[in-house]
Each structure stands twice: as structure tokens, then as C-alpha cells.
Amino acid sequence: MPRGPNGEKRLGDVIGAAIMVAKIATGEMDDDVPNESRRRGGLSGGKGRAQKMESEQRVAVARKAADVRWKLKP
């Protein structure tokens, strides 16, 4: 069974992959558009979340993240 980039199991869907390649080749589907829109959403997501939080909440989240980072260092 094929494995994904993070080791997850994926079904081998040969027909679905062939259809997607054909759509990309004929111009029906753009290959790089979904990745660009995900990236834009990811870049703006953290800023919006930080603006909605109060100062104490931001400090708590930052402290929790720092604790996790320091635990991982040997």
C-alpha cells in the first residue's frame, strides 16, 4: 500500500490520478492554484487570531509554545 509524505497509508487510485493528469494536461484544472490559496490563508490566519485574542491570552499561548520548544531540546 502506498505511503504519503508523513507515512500515512493511502489507497492507490490509479484511475483517479490518471483523470487528474489528463485534466491538468488539457487545461481544465490548474495544478498550482490550490497550494497558493492555502498558503495565503495560512499566512493571514495567525495575524487574525492574534488580533482577536486579549493580551493575557497571547502571553499564555506564547509561554506554552516556549515550554514545548524547550522540552524538545536535549
N, C-alpha and C. Protein backbone atom coordinates (compact mmCIF):
# COMPACT_ATOMS: atom_id res chain seq x y z
N MET A 1 0.84 -1.17 0.00
CA MET A 1 0.00 0.00 0.00
C MET A 1 0.89 1.24 0.00
N PRO A 2 0.60 2.22 -0.86
CA PRO A 2 1.43 3.43 -0.93
C PRO A 2 1.40 4.23 0.37
N ARG A 3 2.46 4.94 0.61
CA ARG A 3 2.56 5.78 1.81
C ARG A 3 2.65 7.23 1.40
N GLY A 4 2.05 8.11 2.21
CA GLY A 4 2.12 9.54 1.95
C GLY A 4 3.41 10.13 2.49
N PRO A 5 3.59 11.44 2.36
CA PRO A 5 4.84 12.07 2.81
C PRO A 5 5.06 11.97 4.31
N ASN A 6 4.00 11.83 5.09
CA ASN A 6 4.15 11.71 6.54
C ASN A 6 4.01 10.27 7.01
N GLY A 7 4.05 9.32 6.09
CA GLY A 7 3.97 7.91 6.44
C GLY A 7 2.57 7.38 6.54
N GLU A 8 1.54 8.18 6.24
CA GLU A 8 0.17 7.69 6.35
C GLU A 8 -0.14 6.77 5.17
N LYS A 9 -1.03 5.82 5.39
CA LYS A 9 -1.40 4.88 4.35
C LYS A 9 -2.35 5.56 3.38
N ARG A 10 -2.14 5.34 2.10
CA ARG A 10 -3.03 5.87 1.07
C ARG A 10 -3.39 4.76 0.10
N LEU A 11 -4.62 4.79 -0.34
CA LEU A 11 -5.04 3.84 -1.34
C LEU A 11 -4.46 4.24 -2.69
N GLY A 12 -4.06 3.27 -3.48
CA GLY A 12 -3.53 3.55 -4.81
C GLY A 12 -4.67 3.69 -5.80
N ASP A 13 -5.07 4.91 -6.09
CA ASP A 13 -6.17 5.18 -7.00
C ASP A 13 -5.58 5.58 -8.35
N VAL A 14 -5.31 4.59 -9.17
CA VAL A 14 -4.66 4.83 -10.45
C VAL A 14 -5.58 5.58 -11.41
N ILE A 15 -6.84 5.22 -11.44
CA ILE A 15 -7.78 5.85 -12.37
C ILE A 15 -7.98 7.33 -12.01
N GLY A 16 -8.15 7.61 -10.72
CA GLY A 16 -8.31 9.00 -10.29
C GLY A 16 -7.09 9.84 -10.60
N ALA A 17 -5.90 9.27 -10.42
CA ALA A 17 -4.66 10.00 -10.72
C ALA A 17 -4.55 10.25 -12.23
N ALA A 18 -4.95 9.28 -13.03
CA ALA A 18 -4.90 9.44 -14.49
C ALA A 18 -5.86 10.53 -14.96
N ILE A 19 -7.05 10.57 -14.37
CA ILE A 19 -8.02 11.61 -14.73
C ILE A 19 -7.48 12.99 -14.36
N MET A 20 -6.87 13.11 -13.20
CA MET A 20 -6.32 14.39 -12.77
C MET A 20 -5.19 14.84 -13.71
N VAL A 21 -4.32 13.92 -14.11
CA VAL A 21 -3.24 14.26 -15.03
C VAL A 21 -3.81 14.72 -16.37
N ALA A 22 -4.87 14.05 -16.83
CA ALA A 22 -5.49 14.44 -18.10
C ALA A 22 -6.11 15.83 -18.01
N LYS A 23 -6.76 16.14 -16.89
CA LYS A 23 -7.36 17.47 -16.71
C LYS A 23 -6.28 18.55 -16.67
N ILE A 24 -5.17 18.27 -16.02
CA ILE A 24 -4.08 19.24 -15.98
C ILE A 24 -3.50 19.44 -17.37
N ALA A 25 -3.35 18.35 -18.13
CA ALA A 25 -2.77 18.44 -19.47
C ALA A 25 -3.67 19.20 -20.44
N THR A 26 -4.99 19.06 -20.29
CA THR A 26 -5.92 19.75 -21.19
C THR A 26 -6.24 21.16 -20.74
N GLY A 27 -5.81 21.53 -19.56
CA GLY A 27 -6.05 22.89 -19.07
C GLY A 27 -7.34 23.05 -18.29
N GLU A 28 -8.07 21.98 -18.04
CA GLU A 28 -9.30 22.05 -17.26
C GLU A 28 -9.02 22.35 -15.79
N MET A 29 -7.88 21.93 -15.32
CA MET A 29 -7.52 22.06 -13.92
C MET A 29 -6.13 22.66 -13.83
N ASP A 30 -5.95 23.60 -12.93
CA ASP A 30 -4.64 24.21 -12.74
C ASP A 30 -3.94 23.51 -11.59
N ASP A 31 -2.72 23.12 -11.79
CA ASP A 31 -2.01 22.29 -10.81
C ASP A 31 -1.61 23.06 -9.56
N ASP A 32 -1.20 24.33 -9.68
CA ASP A 32 -0.63 25.02 -8.52
C ASP A 32 -1.60 25.97 -7.83
N VAL A 33 -2.82 26.14 -8.27
CA VAL A 33 -3.74 27.09 -7.65
C VAL A 33 -4.13 26.70 -6.23
N PRO A 34 -4.49 25.45 -5.95
CA PRO A 34 -4.89 25.13 -4.57
C PRO A 34 -3.80 25.39 -3.55
N ASN A 35 -2.54 25.13 -3.89
CA ASN A 35 -1.46 25.36 -2.94
C ASN A 35 -1.27 26.84 -2.63
N GLU A 36 -1.45 27.70 -3.65
CA GLU A 36 -1.29 29.13 -3.43
C GLU A 36 -2.37 29.67 -2.50
N SER A 37 -3.61 29.22 -2.69
CA SER A 37 -4.68 29.72 -1.84
C SER A 37 -4.52 29.23 -0.40
N ARG A 38 -4.03 28.03 -0.22
CA ARG A 38 -3.78 27.52 1.14
C ARG A 38 -2.69 28.34 1.81
N ARG A 39 -1.67 28.68 1.05
CA ARG A 39 -0.57 29.45 1.62
C ARG A 39 -1.04 30.83 2.06
N ARG A 40 -1.86 31.50 1.24
CA ARG A 40 -2.36 32.83 1.61
C ARG A 40 -3.20 32.75 2.88
N GLY A 41 -4.01 31.72 2.99
CA GLY A 41 -4.83 31.56 4.19
C GLY A 41 -3.98 31.31 5.42
N GLY A 42 -2.93 30.53 5.27
CA GLY A 42 -2.05 30.24 6.39
C GLY A 42 -1.27 31.45 6.86
N LEU A 43 -0.88 32.28 5.91
CA LEU A 43 -0.11 33.47 6.28
C LEU A 43 -0.96 34.47 7.04
N SER A 44 -2.24 34.58 6.69
CA SER A 44 -3.08 35.57 7.35
C SER A 44 -3.76 35.02 8.59
N GLY A 45 -3.80 33.72 8.77
CA GLY A 45 -4.53 33.12 9.88
C GLY A 45 -3.98 33.47 11.25
N GLY A 46 -2.67 33.44 11.40
CA GLY A 46 -2.05 33.73 12.69
C GLY A 46 -2.23 35.18 13.11
N LYS A 47 -2.16 36.08 12.15
CA LYS A 47 -2.32 37.50 12.46
C LYS A 47 -3.75 37.79 12.92
N GLY A 48 -4.71 37.21 12.23
CA GLY A 48 -6.12 37.41 12.61
C GLY A 48 -6.41 36.83 13.98
N ARG A 49 -5.84 35.66 14.25
CA ARG A 49 -6.04 35.02 15.56
C ARG A 49 -5.45 35.89 16.67
N ALA A 50 -4.26 36.44 16.43
CA ALA A 50 -3.61 37.28 17.44
C ALA A 50 -4.40 38.56 17.70
N GLN A 51 -5.01 39.12 16.67
CA GLN A 51 -5.78 40.35 16.85
C GLN A 51 -7.05 40.10 17.67
N LYS A 52 -7.62 38.90 17.56
CA LYS A 52 -8.85 38.59 18.29
C LYS A 52 -8.58 38.28 19.76
N MET A 53 -7.36 37.87 20.09
CA MET A 53 -7.04 37.48 21.47
C MET A 53 -6.72 38.70 22.32
N GLU A 54 -6.97 38.54 23.61
CA GLU A 54 -6.55 39.57 24.55
C GLU A 54 -5.07 39.37 24.86
N SER A 55 -4.46 40.37 25.48
CA SER A 55 -3.03 40.33 25.75
C SER A 55 -2.65 39.15 26.64
N GLU A 56 -3.46 38.87 27.65
CA GLU A 56 -3.15 37.76 28.56
C GLU A 56 -3.22 36.42 27.83
N GLN A 57 -4.16 36.29 26.90
CA GLN A 57 -4.27 35.05 26.15
C GLN A 57 -3.07 34.85 25.24
N ARG A 58 -2.62 35.91 24.60
CA ARG A 58 -1.44 35.81 23.74
C ARG A 58 -0.21 35.41 24.54
N VAL A 59 -0.07 35.97 25.74
CA VAL A 59 1.07 35.64 26.60
C VAL A 59 1.01 34.16 27.00
N ALA A 60 -0.19 33.68 27.31
CA ALA A 60 -0.33 32.28 27.72
C ALA A 60 0.02 31.34 26.58
N VAL A 61 -0.43 31.66 25.38
CA VAL A 61 -0.13 30.81 24.22
C VAL A 61 1.36 30.83 23.93
N ALA A 62 1.99 31.99 24.00
CA ALA A 62 3.42 32.10 23.74
C ALA A 62 4.23 31.35 24.79
N ARG A 63 3.80 31.43 26.03
CA ARG A 63 4.51 30.73 27.11
C ARG A 63 4.41 29.22 26.92
N LYS A 64 3.22 28.75 26.55
CA LYS A 64 3.02 27.32 26.33
C LYS A 64 3.91 26.84 25.17
N ALA A 65 3.97 27.63 24.09
CA ALA A 65 4.81 27.26 22.94
C ALA A 65 6.28 27.24 23.32
N ALA A 66 6.72 28.20 24.12
CA ALA A 66 8.12 28.24 24.55
C ALA A 66 8.45 27.04 25.43
N ASP A 67 7.53 26.67 26.31
CA ASP A 67 7.75 25.49 27.17
C ASP A 67 7.93 24.23 26.32
N VAL A 68 7.09 24.08 25.30
CA VAL A 68 7.20 22.90 24.44
C VAL A 68 8.52 22.92 23.70
N ARG A 69 8.94 24.09 23.19
CA ARG A 69 10.21 24.17 22.47
C ARG A 69 11.37 23.80 23.38
N TRP A 70 11.37 24.28 24.60
CA TRP A 70 12.50 24.00 25.50
C TRP A 70 12.51 22.56 25.95
N LYS A 71 11.34 21.91 26.03
CA LYS A 71 11.30 20.50 26.41
C LYS A 71 11.92 19.64 25.31
N LEU A 72 11.79 20.05 24.05
CA LEU A 72 12.30 19.25 22.95
C LEU A 72 13.81 19.32 22.83
N LYS A 73 14.43 20.36 23.34
CA LYS A 73 15.89 20.47 23.22
C LYS A 73 16.57 19.52 24.20
N PRO A 74 17.63 18.84 23.73
CA PRO A 74 18.33 17.88 24.60
C PRO A 74 19.19 18.55 25.66
